Amino acid sequence: MLDEILQAAIIINILAATIRISTPLLLGAMGELVAEHSGVMNMGLEGMMMFGVFTVWLVTFVGGTTTIGILGAMLVGALLGLLLAFLVIYLKVDQTVAGLSINILAIGFNEFYVRMANASNIPVQIELLPNMNIPLLSGVPIIGEIFFQQRFLTYLAFILVPVIAWFLGRTKFGLSIRSAGENPRAVDTRGISVNRVRLIATVFGGIMAGLGGAFLMSVTSRYLPEMTAGRGWLAIIIVIAGNWKPVRMVIATFLFAFLQALQVTLTTFEIAVPYEVLLVMPYVLALVALALARVRSAQPAKLGVPYSRE
């Protein structure tokens, strides 16, 4: 009887952790989806998420709250999206080079200020985001524990999936975004600025990346310079593995998050499974997903291609 209870507890713990771990991946991936549909590949997603993490920590360091830190992370993400857009849209800088530059900037920036903070010996207490239990639903056995005892940003991430899918597929501006990535000249001939459309989409992607990073910092009490641990790269892979379709992206997100949740949970319960195998599995799956995604790709035709009216 006790063994059955423990097994059930472990399964519930893994599934609840899967939903929680999906949050930053899904936030980053949905922002990347909008940006890529406009024709801009944000290779700086990892760096933007790192800046989101750092912003929440910095706001707390100077005496602010976690909520203010999250808003600050969104603002920083927007500014970084604006920087990326300026480089790749108006200066025609190679998108890969511009994105990787943001990643390098994030690593150096975070390391510099963390060393300064450590030198000051001032303890930083992060106010963790509490779970937001949904009335009635959170009390449902098993289902309630897994889905309806999560944090606000987790609910927001999953709500944004159908919202963004509807926006891209059913609204006039969403159609302009998709057209900017498929046939920008057709958008231009209609009197719509391709650069403006791509700018807005890229800034939105930056906001979502900052929000994803902010979530990571709002659920832990300790700051680490590279605590994003490749989640920005996984978010980009999720877009590709999901073939630029929101529902498929959610499935891909669950697969990556499940493997990470399995690693954390089995390690916590000290189950005899090699830690290294669990640690590397999400990235092995990422390589497989990339290989399979190239078979029937729905990649925007002009993704990564600068647009010029001449």
C-alpha atoms as a PDB file:
ATOM      1  CA  MET A   1       0.000   0.000   0.000  1.00  0.00           C
ATOM      2  CA  LEU A   2       2.792   2.419   0.938  1.00  0.00           C
ATOM      3  CA  ASP A   3       4.677   1.595  -2.263  1.00  0.00           C
ATOM      4  CA  GLU A   4       1.582   2.370  -4.351  1.00  0.00           C
ATOM      5  CA  ILE A   5       1.131   5.727  -2.610  1.00  0.00           C
ATOM      6  CA  LEU A   6       4.786   6.607  -3.178  1.00  0.00           C
ATOM      7  CA  GLN A   7       4.571   5.631  -6.842  1.00  0.00           C
ATOM      8  CA  ALA A   8       1.453   7.768  -7.311  1.00  0.00           C
ATOM      9  CA  ALA A   9       3.137  10.685  -5.531  1.00  0.00           C
ATOM     10  CA  ILE A  10       6.183  10.418  -7.792  1.00  0.00           C
ATOM     11  CA  ILE A  11       4.058  10.341 -10.962  1.00  0.00           C
ATOM     12  CA  ILE A  12       2.011  13.369  -9.840  1.00  0.00           C
ATOM     13  CA  ASN A  13       5.212  15.181  -8.909  1.00  0.00           C
ATOM     14  CA  ILE A  14       6.753  14.508 -12.332  1.00  0.00           C
ATOM     15  CA  LEU A  15       3.648  15.624 -14.243  1.00  0.00           C
ATOM     16  CA  ALA A  16       3.186  18.780 -12.137  1.00  0.00           C
ATOM     17  CA  ALA A  17       6.877  19.590 -12.629  1.00  0.00           C
ATOM     18  CA  THR A  18       6.454  19.050 -16.377  1.00  0.00           C
ATOM     19  CA  ILE A  19       3.797  21.763 -16.507  1.00  0.00           C
ATOM     20  CA  ARG A  20       5.951  24.096 -14.399  1.00  0.00           C
ATOM     21  CA  ILE A  21       9.141  23.499 -16.413  1.00  0.00           C
ATOM     22  CA  SER A  22       7.198  24.053 -19.643  1.00  0.00           C
ATOM     23  CA  THR A  23       6.525  27.674 -18.669  1.00  0.00           C
ATOM     24  CA  PRO A  24       9.799  29.421 -19.681  1.00  0.00           C
ATOM     25  CA  LEU A  25      10.177  27.165 -22.730  1.00  0.00           C
ATOM     26  CA  LEU A  26       6.674  27.951 -23.948  1.00  0.00           C
ATOM     27  CA  LEU A  27       6.952  31.686 -23.281  1.00  0.00           C
ATOM     28  CA  GLY A  28      10.220  31.892 -25.201  1.00  0.00           C
ATOM     29  CA  ALA A  29       8.990  29.648 -28.014  1.00  0.00           C
ATOM     30  CA  MET A  30       5.730  31.549 -28.601  1.00  0.00           C
ATOM     31  CA  GLY A  31       7.607  34.840 -28.796  1.00  0.00           C
ATOM     32  CA  GLU A  32      10.102  33.259 -31.180  1.00  0.00           C
ATOM     33  CA  LEU A  33       7.223  31.924 -33.305  1.00  0.00           C
ATOM     34  CA  VAL A  34       5.848  35.423 -33.870  1.00  0.00           C
ATOM     35  CA  ALA A  35       9.298  36.830 -34.668  1.00  0.00           C
ATOM     36  CA  GLU A  36      10.139  34.027 -37.093  1.00  0.00           C
ATOM     37  CA  HIS A  37       6.790  34.312 -38.861  1.00  0.00           C
ATOM     38  CA  SER A  38       7.780  37.905 -39.626  1.00  0.00           C
ATOM     39  CA  GLY A  39      11.105  36.749 -41.088  1.00  0.00           C
ATOM     40  CA  VAL A  40      13.425  37.405 -38.127  1.00  0.00           C
ATOM     41  CA  MET A  41      15.174  34.518 -36.367  1.00  0.00           C
ATOM     42  CA  ASN A  42      16.077  35.579 -32.846  1.00  0.00           C
ATOM     43  CA  MET A  43      19.296  33.697 -32.153  1.00  0.00           C
ATOM     44  CA  GLY A  44      19.761  35.888 -29.082  1.00  0.00           C
ATOM     45  CA  LEU A  45      16.851  34.247 -27.259  1.00  0.00           C
ATOM     46  CA  GLU A  46      19.108  32.578 -24.700  1.00  0.00           C
ATOM     47  CA  GLY A  47      20.793  35.884 -23.885  1.00  0.00           C
ATOM     48  CA  MET A  48      17.467  37.686 -23.580  1.00  0.00           C
ATOM     49  CA  MET A  49      16.255  35.058 -21.123  1.00  0.00           C
ATOM     50  CA  MET A  50      19.479  35.479 -19.152  1.00  0.00           C
ATOM     51  CA  PHE A  51      18.845  39.225 -18.991  1.00  0.00           C
ATOM     52  CA  GLY A  52      15.321  38.467 -17.749  1.00  0.00           C
ATOM     53  CA  VAL A  53      16.719  36.328 -14.944  1.00  0.00           C
ATOM     54  CA  PHE A  54      19.289  38.970 -14.070  1.00  0.00           C
ATOM     55  CA  THR A  55      16.750  41.836 -14.094  1.00  0.00           C
ATOM     56  CA  VAL A  56      14.527  40.178 -11.480  1.00  0.00           C
ATOM     57  CA  TRP A  57      17.571  39.528  -9.306  1.00  0.00           C
ATOM     58  CA  LEU A  58      18.888  43.097  -9.755  1.00  0.00           C
ATOM     59  CA  VAL A  59      15.549  44.684  -8.874  1.00  0.00           C
ATOM     60  CA  THR A  60      15.413  42.572  -5.723  1.00  0.00           C
ATOM     61  CA  PHE A  61      19.043  43.461  -4.982  1.00  0.00           C
ATOM     62  CA  VAL A  62      18.236  47.178  -4.953  1.00  0.00           C
ATOM     63  CA  GLY A  63      15.178  46.663  -2.773  1.00  0.00           C
ATOM     64  CA  GLY A  64      12.346  46.085  -5.227  1.00  0.00           C
ATOM     65  CA  THR A  65       9.795  43.281  -5.380  1.00  0.00           C
ATOM     66  CA  THR A  66       9.636  40.239  -7.609  1.00  0.00           C
ATOM     67  CA  THR A  67       6.559  41.625  -9.392  1.00  0.00           C
ATOM     68  CA  ILE A  68       8.410  44.835 -10.267  1.00  0.00           C
ATOM     69  CA  GLY A  69      11.346  42.671 -11.348  1.00  0.00           C
ATOM     70  CA  ILE A  70       9.116  40.736 -13.757  1.00  0.00           C
ATOM     71  CA  LEU A  71       7.842  43.968 -15.290  1.00  0.00           C
ATOM     72  CA  GLY A  72      11.442  45.146 -15.523  1.00  0.00           C
ATOM     73  CA  ALA A  73      12.429  41.901 -17.265  1.00  0.00           C
ATOM     74  CA  MET A  74       9.709  42.471 -19.856  1.00  0.00           C
ATOM     75  CA  LEU A  75      10.995  46.011 -20.435  1.00  0.00           C
ATOM     76  CA  VAL A  76      14.584  44.815 -20.793  1.00  0.00           C
ATOM     77  CA  GLY A  77      13.407  42.090 -23.181  1.00  0.00           C
ATOM     78  CA  ALA A  78      11.611  44.723 -25.263  1.00  0.00           C
ATOM     79  CA  LEU A  79      14.758  46.886 -25.403  1.00  0.00           C
ATOM     80  CA  LEU A  80      16.880  43.910 -26.452  1.00  0.00           C
ATOM     81  CA  GLY A  81      14.288  43.023 -29.093  1.00  0.00           C
ATOM     82  CA  LEU A  82      14.470  46.611 -30.278  1.00  0.00           C
ATOM     83  CA  LEU A  83      18.270  46.377 -30.441  1.00  0.00           C
ATOM     84  CA  LEU A  84      18.106  43.147 -32.420  1.00  0.00           C
ATOM     85  CA  ALA A  85      15.516  44.607 -34.765  1.00  0.00           C
ATOM     86  CA  PHE A  86      17.640  47.702 -35.378  1.00  0.00           C
ATOM     87  CA  LEU A  87      20.675  45.567 -36.188  1.00  0.00           C
ATOM     88  CA  VAL A  88      19.042  43.025 -38.499  1.00  0.00           C
ATOM     89  CA  ILE A  89      16.229  45.070 -40.067  1.00  0.00           C
ATOM     90  CA  TYR A  90      17.733  48.494 -40.545  1.00  0.00           C
ATOM     91  CA  LEU A  91      21.488  47.820 -40.538  1.00  0.00           C
ATOM     92  CA  LYS A  92      21.082  44.466 -42.353  1.00  0.00           C
ATOM     93  CA  VAL A  93      23.459  42.711 -39.937  1.00  0.00           C
ATOM     94  CA  ASP A  94      23.478  38.921 -40.296  1.00  0.00           C
ATOM     95  CA  GLN A  95      20.770  37.603 -37.949  1.00  0.00           C
ATOM     96  CA  THR A  96      22.920  34.804 -36.549  1.00  0.00           C
ATOM     97  CA  VAL A  97      25.796  37.172 -35.786  1.00  0.00           C
ATOM     98  CA  ALA A  98      23.491  39.743 -34.152  1.00  0.00           C
ATOM     99  CA  GLY A  99      21.763  37.123 -32.008  1.00  0.00           C
ATOM    100  CA  LEU A 100      24.983  35.501 -30.846  1.00  0.00           C
ATOM    101  CA  SER A 101      26.329  38.954 -29.948  1.00  0.00           C
ATOM    102  CA  ILE A 102      23.402  39.450 -27.574  1.00  0.00           C
ATOM    103  CA  ASN A 103      24.151  36.064 -25.991  1.00  0.00           C
ATOM    104  CA  ILE A 104      27.788  37.021 -25.440  1.00  0.00           C
ATOM    105  CA  LEU A 105      26.717  40.397 -24.038  1.00  0.00           C
ATOM    106  CA  ALA A 106      24.398  38.669 -21.574  1.00  0.00           C
ATOM    107  CA  ILE A 107      27.117  36.327 -20.311  1.00  0.00           C
ATOM    108  CA  GLY A 108      29.619  39.124 -19.770  1.00  0.00           C
ATOM    109  CA  PHE A 109      27.075  41.532 -18.288  1.00  0.00           C
ATOM    110  CA  ASN A 110      25.755  39.018 -15.782  1.00  0.00           C
ATOM    111  CA  GLU A 111      29.181  37.846 -14.669  1.00  0.00           C
ATOM    112  CA  PHE A 112      30.369  41.425 -14.126  1.00  0.00           C
ATOM    113  CA  TYR A 113      27.498  42.500 -11.918  1.00  0.00           C
ATOM    114  CA  VAL A 114      27.326  39.237  -9.975  1.00  0.00           C
ATOM    115  CA  ARG A 115      30.976  39.662  -9.033  1.00  0.00           C
ATOM    116  CA  MET A 116      30.185  43.185  -7.855  1.00  0.00           C
ATOM    117  CA  ALA A 117      27.252  41.901  -5.803  1.00  0.00           C
ATOM    118  CA  ASN A 118      29.331  39.128  -4.251  1.00  0.00           C
ATOM    119  CA  ALA A 119      31.970  41.685  -3.312  1.00  0.00           C
ATOM    120  CA  SER A 120      29.355  43.745  -1.455  1.00  0.00           C
ATOM    121  CA  ASN A 121      28.339  40.729   0.693  1.00  0.00           C
ATOM    122  CA  ILE A 122      24.705  41.855   0.710  1.00  0.00           C
ATOM    123  CA  PRO A 123      22.298  38.878   0.919  1.00  0.00           C
ATOM    124  CA  VAL A 124      19.497  38.943  -1.645  1.00  0.00           C
ATOM    125  CA  GLN A 125      16.141  37.503  -0.652  1.00  0.00           C
ATOM    126  CA  ILE A 126      14.017  36.676  -3.693  1.00  0.00           C
ATOM    127  CA  GLU A 127      10.281  36.792  -3.058  1.00  0.00           C
ATOM    128  CA  LEU A 128       9.066  33.617  -4.747  1.00  0.00           C
ATOM    129  CA  LEU A 129       5.884  33.706  -6.788  1.00  0.00           C
ATOM    130  CA  PRO A 130       3.175  31.764  -4.908  1.00  0.00           C
ATOM    131  CA  ASN A 131       1.039  29.097  -6.498  1.00  0.00           C
ATOM    132  CA  MET A 132      -2.315  30.365  -7.753  1.00  0.00           C
ATOM    133  CA  ASN A 133      -4.794  27.623  -6.982  1.00  0.00           C
ATOM    134  CA  ILE A 134      -7.865  27.718  -9.234  1.00  0.00           C
ATOM    135  CA  PRO A 135     -11.033  27.530  -7.095  1.00  0.00           C
ATOM    136  CA  LEU A 136     -12.819  24.167  -7.231  1.00  0.00           C
ATOM    137  CA  LEU A 137     -10.524  22.800  -9.962  1.00  0.00           C
ATOM    138  CA  SER A 138      -7.448  22.765  -7.729  1.00  0.00           C
ATOM    139  CA  GLY A 139      -9.253  20.443  -5.344  1.00  0.00           C
ATOM    140  CA  VAL A 140      -9.872  17.741  -7.950  1.00  0.00           C
ATOM    141  CA  PRO A 141      -7.725  14.698  -7.075  1.00  0.00           C
ATOM    142  CA  ILE A 142      -4.622  14.238  -9.259  1.00  0.00           C
ATOM    143  CA  ILE A 143      -5.832  16.564 -12.067  1.00  0.00           C
ATOM    144  CA  GLY A 144      -6.035  19.519  -9.691  1.00  0.00           C
ATOM    145  CA  GLU A 145      -2.561  18.912  -8.284  1.00  0.00           C
ATOM    146  CA  ILE A 146      -1.028  18.673 -11.753  1.00  0.00           C
ATOM    147  CA  PHE A 147      -2.756  21.452 -13.691  1.00  0.00           C
ATOM    148  CA  PHE A 148      -4.482  23.859 -11.312  1.00  0.00           C
ATOM    149  CA  GLN A 149      -1.935  24.452  -8.545  1.00  0.00           C
ATOM    150  CA  GLN A 150       0.550  26.376 -10.651  1.00  0.00           C
ATOM    151  CA  ARG A 151       1.852  29.947 -10.757  1.00  0.00           C
ATOM    152  CA  PHE A 152       0.258  32.804 -12.658  1.00  0.00           C
ATOM    153  CA  LEU A 153       2.912  32.897 -15.388  1.00  0.00           C
ATOM    154  CA  THR A 154       2.317  29.209 -16.084  1.00  0.00           C
ATOM    155  CA  TYR A 155      -1.373  29.818 -16.730  1.00  0.00           C
ATOM    156  CA  LEU A 156      -0.458  32.853 -18.836  1.00  0.00           C
ATOM    157  CA  ALA A 157       1.963  30.814 -20.968  1.00  0.00           C
ATOM    158  CA  PHE A 158      -0.686  28.241 -21.858  1.00  0.00           C
ATOM    159  CA  ILE A 159      -3.419  30.834 -22.410  1.00  0.00           C
ATOM    160  CA  LEU A 160      -1.153  32.648 -24.861  1.00  0.00           C
ATOM    161  CA  VAL A 161      -0.914  29.570 -27.107  1.00  0.00           C
ATOM    162  CA  PRO A 162      -4.485  29.741 -28.496  1.00  0.00           C
ATOM    163  CA  VAL A 163      -4.417  33.550 -28.338  1.00  0.00           C
ATOM    164  CA  ILE A 164      -1.287  33.776 -30.504  1.00  0.00           C
ATOM    165  CA  ALA A 165      -2.551  31.033 -32.816  1.00  0.00           C
ATOM    166  CA  TRP A 166      -5.786  32.988 -33.306  1.00  0.00           C
ATOM    167  CA  PHE A 167      -3.906  36.277 -33.711  1.00  0.00           C
ATOM    168  CA  LEU A 168      -1.585  34.936 -36.419  1.00  0.00           C
ATOM    169  CA  GLY A 169      -4.309  33.074 -38.254  1.00  0.00           C
ATOM    170  CA  ARG A 170      -7.385  35.285 -37.891  1.00  0.00           C
ATOM    171  CA  THR A 171      -6.370  38.923 -37.553  1.00  0.00           C
ATOM    172  CA  LYS A 172      -5.290  41.450 -40.167  1.00  0.00           C
ATOM    173  CA  PHE A 173      -2.025  42.316 -38.448  1.00  0.00           C
ATOM    174  CA  GLY A 174      -1.313  38.644 -37.797  1.00  0.00           C
ATOM    175  CA  LEU A 175      -1.689  38.015 -41.519  1.00  0.00           C
ATOM    176  CA  SER A 176       0.719  40.889 -42.173  1.00  0.00           C
ATOM    177  CA  ILE A 177       3.271  39.267 -39.867  1.00  0.00           C
ATOM    178  CA  ARG A 178       2.998  35.935 -41.650  1.00  0.00           C
ATOM    179  CA  SER A 179       3.142  37.597 -45.059  1.00  0.00           C
ATOM    180  CA  ALA A 180       6.273  39.523 -44.028  1.00  0.00           C
ATOM    181  CA  GLY A 181       7.993  36.188 -43.523  1.00  0.00           C
ATOM    182  CA  GLU A 182       6.614  34.558 -46.657  1.00  0.00           C
ATOM    183  CA  ASN A 183       6.359  37.318 -49.252  1.00  0.00           C
ATOM    184  CA  PRO A 184       7.442  40.715 -47.879  1.00  0.00           C
ATOM    185  CA  ARG A 185       7.172  42.429 -51.252  1.00  0.00           C
ATOM    186  CA  ALA A 186       3.454  41.626 -51.372  1.00  0.00           C
ATOM    187  CA  VAL A 187       3.087  43.291 -47.962  1.00  0.00           C
ATOM    188  CA  ASP A 188       5.014  46.318 -49.204  1.00  0.00           C
ATOM    189  CA  THR A 189       2.843  46.705 -52.300  1.00  0.00           C
ATOM    190  CA  ARG A 190      -0.198  46.961 -50.038  1.00  0.00           C
ATOM    191  CA  GLY A 191       1.314  50.013 -48.363  1.00  0.00           C
ATOM    192  CA  ILE A 192       2.282  48.195 -45.162  1.00  0.00           C
ATOM    193  CA  SER A 193       5.803  48.752 -43.838  1.00  0.00           C
ATOM    194  CA  VAL A 194       7.619  45.407 -43.747  1.00  0.00           C
ATOM    195  CA  ASN A 195      10.258  46.852 -41.425  1.00  0.00           C
ATOM    196  CA  ARG A 196       7.626  48.076 -38.963  1.00  0.00           C
ATOM    197  CA  VAL A 197       5.879  44.706 -38.929  1.00  0.00           C
ATOM    198  CA  ARG A 198       9.143  42.885 -38.326  1.00  0.00           C
ATOM    199  CA  LEU A 199      10.151  45.401 -35.661  1.00  0.00           C
ATOM    200  CA  ILE A 200       6.951  44.877 -33.663  1.00  0.00           C
ATOM    201  CA  ALA A 201       7.198  41.083 -33.965  1.00  0.00           C
ATOM    202  CA  THR A 202      10.842  41.065 -32.851  1.00  0.00           C
ATOM    203  CA  VAL A 203      10.150  43.331 -29.867  1.00  0.00           C
ATOM    204  CA  PHE A 204       7.277  41.047 -28.850  1.00  0.00           C
ATOM    205  CA  GLY A 205       9.643  38.078 -29.043  1.00  0.00           C
ATOM    206  CA  GLY A 206      12.053  39.943 -26.755  1.00  0.00           C
ATOM    207  CA  ILE A 207       9.305  40.641 -24.219  1.00  0.00           C
ATOM    208  CA  MET A 208       8.353  36.969 -24.118  1.00  0.00           C
ATOM    209  CA  ALA A 209      11.999  35.931 -23.726  1.00  0.00           C
ATOM    210  CA  GLY A 210      12.434  38.357 -20.822  1.00  0.00           C
ATOM    211  CA  LEU A 211       9.257  37.011 -19.253  1.00  0.00           C
ATOM    212  CA  GLY A 212      10.521  33.442 -19.600  1.00  0.00           C
ATOM    213  CA  GLY A 213      13.757  34.359 -17.863  1.00  0.00           C
ATOM    214  CA  ALA A 214      11.848  36.232 -15.152  1.00  0.00           C
ATOM    215  CA  PHE A 215       9.862  33.088 -14.386  1.00  0.00           C
ATOM    216  CA  LEU A 216      13.053  31.149 -13.707  1.00  0.00           C
ATOM    217  CA  MET A 217      14.218  33.724 -11.169  1.00  0.00           C
ATOM    218  CA  SER A 218      10.781  34.042  -9.544  1.00  0.00           C
ATOM    219  CA  VAL A 219      10.625  30.364  -8.565  1.00  0.00           C
ATOM    220  CA  THR A 220      14.048  30.024  -6.954  1.00  0.00           C
ATOM    221  CA  SER A 221      15.855  31.842  -4.165  1.00  0.00           C
ATOM    222  CA  ARG A 222      19.373  31.668  -5.570  1.00  0.00           C
ATOM    223  CA  TYR A 223      20.788  33.431  -8.606  1.00  0.00           C
ATOM    224  CA  LEU A 224      23.225  31.756 -10.979  1.00  0.00           C
ATOM    225  CA  PRO A 225      24.618  33.638 -14.017  1.00  0.00           C
ATOM    226  CA  GLU A 226      23.727  30.859 -16.481  1.00  0.00           C
ATOM    227  CA  MET A 227      20.657  29.393 -14.810  1.00  0.00           C
ATOM    228  CA  THR A 228      18.770  29.467 -18.128  1.00  0.00           C
ATOM    229  CA  ALA A 229      20.812  26.320 -18.928  1.00  0.00           C
ATOM    230  CA  GLY A 230      20.138  26.369 -22.663  1.00  0.00           C
ATOM    231  CA  ARG A 231      16.381  26.921 -22.406  1.00  0.00           C
ATOM    232  CA  GLY A 232      16.576  29.714 -24.969  1.00  0.00           C
ATOM    233  CA  TRP A 233      18.138  27.327 -27.481  1.00  0.00           C
ATOM    234  CA  LEU A 234      15.520  24.689 -26.652  1.00  0.00           C
ATOM    235  CA  ALA A 235      12.768  27.258 -27.291  1.00  0.00           C
ATOM    236  CA  ILE A 236      14.165  27.860 -30.783  1.00  0.00           C
ATOM    237  CA  ILE A 237      14.276  24.103 -31.385  1.00  0.00           C
ATOM    238  CA  ILE A 238      10.688  23.791 -30.138  1.00  0.00           C
ATOM    239  CA  VAL A 239       9.558  26.191 -32.871  1.00  0.00           C
ATOM    240  CA  ILE A 240      11.345  24.089 -35.497  1.00  0.00           C
ATOM    241  CA  ALA A 241      10.261  20.739 -34.015  1.00  0.00           C
ATOM    242  CA  GLY A 242       6.678  22.006 -33.841  1.00  0.00           C
ATOM    243  CA  ASN A 243       6.930  22.979 -37.525  1.00  0.00           C
ATOM    244  CA  TRP A 244       5.893  26.580 -36.720  1.00  0.00           C
ATOM    245  CA  LYS A 245       2.480  25.370 -35.518  1.00  0.00           C
ATOM    246  CA  PRO A 246       1.410  26.307 -31.934  1.00  0.00           C
ATOM    247  CA  VAL A 247      -0.276  23.003 -31.023  1.00  0.00           C
ATOM    248  CA  ARG A 248       2.685  20.930 -32.184  1.00  0.00           C
ATOM    249  CA  MET A 249       4.970  23.306 -30.321  1.00  0.00           C
ATOM    250  CA  VAL A 250       3.098  22.581 -27.094  1.00  0.00           C
ATOM    251  CA  ILE A 251       3.622  18.850 -27.635  1.00  0.00           C
ATOM    252  CA  ALA A 252       7.345  19.395 -28.266  1.00  0.00           C
ATOM    253  CA  THR A 253       7.527  21.572 -25.145  1.00  0.00           C
ATOM    254  CA  PHE A 254       5.931  18.838 -23.045  1.00  0.00           C
ATOM    255  CA  LEU A 255       8.455  16.283 -24.299  1.00  0.00           C
ATOM    256  CA  PHE A 256      11.447  18.439 -23.361  1.00  0.00           C
ATOM    257  CA  ALA A 257       9.902  19.496 -20.052  1.00  0.00           C
ATOM    258  CA  PHE A 258       8.953  15.918 -19.146  1.00  0.00           C
ATOM    259  CA  LEU A 259      12.542  14.736 -19.551  1.00  0.00           C
ATOM    260  CA  GLN A 260      13.797  17.587 -17.382  1.00  0.00           C
ATOM    261  CA  ALA A 261      11.107  16.926 -14.771  1.00  0.00           C
ATOM    262  CA  LEU A 262      12.017  13.239 -14.791  1.00  0.00           C
ATOM    263  CA  GLN A 263      15.647  14.131 -14.150  1.00  0.00           C
ATOM    264  CA  VAL A 264      14.843  16.457 -11.230  1.00  0.00           C
ATOM    265  CA  THR A 265      12.238  14.223  -9.612  1.00  0.00           C
ATOM    266  CA  LEU A 266      14.153  10.956  -9.839  1.00  0.00           C
ATOM    267  CA  THR A 267      17.237  12.665  -8.436  1.00  0.00           C
ATOM    268  CA  THR A 268      15.181  14.064  -5.546  1.00  0.00           C
ATOM    269  CA  PHE A 269      13.705  10.664  -4.707  1.00  0.00           C
ATOM    270  CA  GLU A 270      17.170   9.073  -5.076  1.00  0.00           C
ATOM    271  CA  ILE A 271      15.997   6.494  -7.602  1.00  0.00           C
ATOM    272  CA  ALA A 272      18.855   4.481  -9.086  1.00  0.00           C
ATOM    273  CA  VAL A 273      18.962   5.995 -12.564  1.00  0.00           C
ATOM    274  CA  PRO A 274      22.216   7.472 -13.918  1.00  0.00           C
ATOM    275  CA  TYR A 275      21.957  11.247 -13.518  1.00  0.00           C
ATOM    276  CA  GLU A 276      24.096  11.897 -16.597  1.00  0.00           C
ATOM    277  CA  VAL A 277      21.684   9.970 -18.852  1.00  0.00           C
ATOM    278  CA  LEU A 278      18.709  12.029 -17.686  1.00  0.00           C
ATOM    279  CA  LEU A 279      20.694  15.253 -17.985  1.00  0.00           C
ATOM    280  CA  VAL A 280      21.607  14.712 -21.625  1.00  0.00           C
ATOM    281  CA  MET A 281      18.265  13.295 -22.826  1.00  0.00           C
ATOM    282  CA  PRO A 282      16.524  16.635 -23.645  1.00  0.00           C
ATOM    283  CA  TYR A 283      19.442  17.648 -25.852  1.00  0.00           C
ATOM    284  CA  VAL A 284      19.572  14.267 -27.594  1.00  0.00           C
ATOM    285  CA  LEU A 285      15.853  14.646 -28.260  1.00  0.00           C
ATOM    286  CA  ALA A 286      16.539  18.154 -29.590  1.00  0.00           C
ATOM    287  CA  LEU A 287      19.003  16.777 -32.152  1.00  0.00           C
ATOM    288  CA  VAL A 288      16.520  14.110 -33.235  1.00  0.00           C
ATOM    289  CA  ALA A 289      13.752  16.709 -33.505  1.00  0.00           C
ATOM    290  CA  LEU A 290      15.920  18.962 -35.665  1.00  0.00           C
ATOM    291  CA  ALA A 291      16.756  16.079 -38.000  1.00  0.00           C
ATOM    292  CA  LEU A 292      13.114  15.022 -38.371  1.00  0.00           C
ATOM    293  CA  ALA A 293      11.822  18.589 -38.742  1.00  0.00           C
ATOM    294  CA  ARG A 294      13.740  19.092 -41.977  1.00  0.00           C
ATOM    295  CA  VAL A 295      11.693  16.389 -43.729  1.00  0.00           C
ATOM    296  CA  ARG A 296       8.497  18.444 -44.047  1.00  0.00           C
ATOM    297  CA  SER A 297       9.317  21.952 -42.940  1.00  0.00           C
ATOM    298  CA  ALA A 298       6.791  24.808 -42.856  1.00  0.00           C
ATOM    299  CA  GLN A 299       9.553  27.341 -42.266  1.00  0.00           C
ATOM    300  CA  PRO A 300       8.687  30.854 -43.483  1.00  0.00           C
ATOM    301  CA  ALA A 301      10.164  31.298 -46.950  1.00  0.00           C
ATOM    302  CA  LYS A 302      12.014  34.527 -46.128  1.00  0.00           C
ATOM    303  CA  LEU A 303      13.150  33.640 -42.605  1.00  0.00           C
ATOM    304  CA  GLY A 304      16.533  35.243 -42.000  1.00  0.00           C
ATOM    305  CA  VAL A 305      16.432  37.147 -45.302  1.00  0.00           C
ATOM    306  CA  PRO A 306      16.697  40.972 -45.020  1.00  0.00           C
ATOM    307  CA  TYR A 307      14.157  42.934 -46.991  1.00  0.00           C
ATOM    308  CA  SER A 308      15.023  45.875 -49.199  1.00  0.00           C
ATOM    309  CA  ARG A 309      12.680  47.799 -51.468  1.00  0.00           C
ATOM    310  CA  GLU A 310      15.380  48.274 -54.111  1.00  0.00           C
END
